[in-house]
Protein backbone atom coordinates (compact mmCIF):
# COMPACT_ATOMS: atom_id res chain seq x y z
CA GLN A 1 87.16 110.19 182.73
CA MET A 2 83.03 109.86 183.58
CA GLN A 3 80.49 109.60 181.01
CA LEU A 4 76.49 110.17 181.28
CA LEU A 5 74.49 108.10 178.85
CA GLU A 6 70.89 109.35 178.41
CA SER A 7 68.19 106.96 176.45
CA GLY A 8 64.94 106.64 176.82
CA GLY A 9 63.56 109.81 174.33
CA GLY A 10 61.16 109.48 171.49
CA LEU A 11 57.63 111.02 170.07
CA VAL A 12 54.41 110.62 172.51
CA GLN A 13 51.27 111.96 172.90
CA ALA A 14 49.93 114.41 175.25
CA GLY A 15 48.86 112.33 178.45
CA GLY A 16 51.18 109.74 177.55
CA SER A 17 54.40 108.03 179.88
CA LEU A 18 57.97 108.24 179.10
CA ARG A 19 61.27 106.52 180.93
CA LEU A 20 64.45 108.14 180.57
CA SER A 21 68.18 106.63 181.75
CA CYS A 22 71.01 107.45 182.45
CA ALA A 23 74.11 105.55 182.50
CA ALA A 24 76.98 106.06 184.40
CA SER A 25 80.78 104.60 183.55
CA GLY A 26 84.39 105.96 183.53
CA ARG A 27 86.87 105.19 185.61
CA PRO A 28 87.97 105.63 188.32
CA PHE A 29 84.16 105.69 188.73
CA SER A 30 82.91 108.32 191.24
CA VAL A 31 79.09 109.75 190.91
CA LYS A 32 77.60 111.13 193.79
CA ALA A 33 74.30 113.27 193.69
CA MET A 34 72.48 113.17 190.03
CA ALA A 35 70.07 114.86 188.06
CA TRP A 36 68.26 116.20 185.50
CA PHE A 37 67.68 119.32 183.26
CA ARG A 38 65.83 120.33 180.03
CA GLN A 39 66.62 122.70 177.46
CA ALA A 40 63.56 123.65 174.91
CA PRO A 41 64.74 124.97 171.63
CA GLY A 42 65.02 129.43 172.19
CA LYS A 43 65.46 128.76 175.56
CA ALA A 44 67.82 128.44 178.70
CA ARG A 45 68.17 124.65 180.86
CA GLU A 46 65.97 124.28 183.82
CA PHE A 47 66.33 122.21 186.18
CA VAL A 48 63.97 119.25 186.17
CA ALA A 49 64.64 116.85 189.06
CA ALA A 50 67.94 115.74 191.17
CA ILE A 51 68.26 112.98 193.56
CA SER A 52 71.31 112.28 196.61
CA TYR A 53 73.63 109.69 196.30
CA SER A 54 71.85 107.44 198.54
CA GLY A 55 68.34 107.84 196.74
CA SER A 56 66.87 109.12 200.08
CA ALA A 57 66.36 112.94 199.05
CA THR A 58 64.89 114.06 195.55
CA THR A 59 63.72 117.58 194.38
CA SER A 60 62.08 118.56 191.22
CA SER A 61 60.89 121.20 189.57
CA THR A 62 57.39 123.07 190.25
CA ASN A 63 56.88 122.66 186.16
CA VAL A 64 57.11 118.55 186.74
CA LYS A 65 55.93 117.98 190.43
CA GLY A 66 53.58 115.48 191.02
CA ARG A 67 54.15 114.16 187.30
CA PHE A 68 57.66 113.21 187.40
CA THR A 69 59.38 111.01 189.34
CA ILE A 70 63.54 110.49 189.49
CA SER A 71 65.00 107.63 191.20
CA ARG A 72 68.27 105.54 190.32
CA ASP A 73 69.95 102.29 191.07
CA ASN A 74 73.29 102.37 192.44
CA ALA A 75 74.39 98.51 191.66
CA LYS A 76 73.62 99.63 187.69
CA LYS A 77 75.31 102.91 188.47
CA THR A 78 72.29 104.37 186.57
CA VAL A 79 69.63 107.32 186.89
CA TYR A 80 65.84 107.29 185.77
CA LEU A 81 63.48 109.45 185.45
CA GLN A 82 59.81 108.51 184.93
CA MET A 83 57.89 110.85 183.13
CA ASN A 84 54.26 110.81 183.26
CA SER A 85 50.67 113.07 182.10
CA LEU A 86 53.53 114.49 179.71
CA LYS A 87 52.29 118.35 178.25
CA PRO A 88 53.61 119.60 174.65
CA GLU A 89 55.58 121.85 176.83
CA ASP A 90 57.55 118.84 178.24
CA THR A 91 59.28 119.11 174.78
CA ALA A 92 62.97 119.46 175.28
CA VAL A 93 65.85 117.94 175.27
CA TYR A 94 66.64 116.14 178.34
CA TYR A 95 70.11 116.30 179.83
CA CYS A 96 71.64 114.08 182.56
CA ALA A 97 74.60 115.57 185.07
CA ALA A 98 76.23 114.23 188.32
CA ASP A 99 78.76 115.17 190.41
CA PRO A 100 81.75 113.15 191.92
CA LEU A 101 81.84 114.67 195.32
CA ARG A 102 79.05 115.93 196.58
CA SER A 103 75.63 113.25 197.89
CA GLU A 104 73.26 116.12 198.47
CA PRO A 105 70.79 117.09 195.01
CA ALA A 106 71.07 120.77 194.12
CA THR A 107 69.17 122.42 191.39
CA TYR A 108 71.31 124.43 189.94
CA ASP A 109 73.51 123.56 187.31
CA THR A 110 76.61 124.44 187.80
CA TYR A 111 76.76 122.47 191.02
CA TYR A 112 77.43 119.29 188.64
CA ASP A 113 80.96 118.27 187.21
CA TYR A 114 79.26 115.35 184.23
CA TRP A 115 77.30 116.00 181.36
CA GLY A 116 75.51 113.32 179.05
CA GLN A 117 75.21 114.58 175.38
CA GLY A 118 71.15 114.25 176.14
CA THR A 119 67.72 112.99 174.58
CA GLN A 120 65.51 114.18 173.01
CA VAL A 121 61.08 114.14 173.89
CA THR A 122 58.68 115.66 171.90
CA VAL A 123 55.16 115.76 173.21
CA SER A 124 52.12 115.99 170.62
CA SER A 125 49.31 117.58 171.17
């Protein structure tokens, strides 16, 4: 059973930065492509960013492009989301997702089998 545990959320002022982490664990361990999604109150879950298993390929939504960066450290079994120039509209619960078989990133949530519990990010104006 695989588990994903997010951390790093919190309250920040507009223009500030946060770094989210997602640590994967479980046996047998199998985590390939990973991604971040978010869900704001009253809204559908939306794609934020994704990264290939090797880390060489990334993709992000137009809403966060140029502000957010996804990266990973496979030795630590962890994926990160560096969020800069945060805006109030970035306020949401951020979820980490992973696929056990496919190495290339995808932007749709049904691609991913494993999900974390989420971490709250609140950006004040």
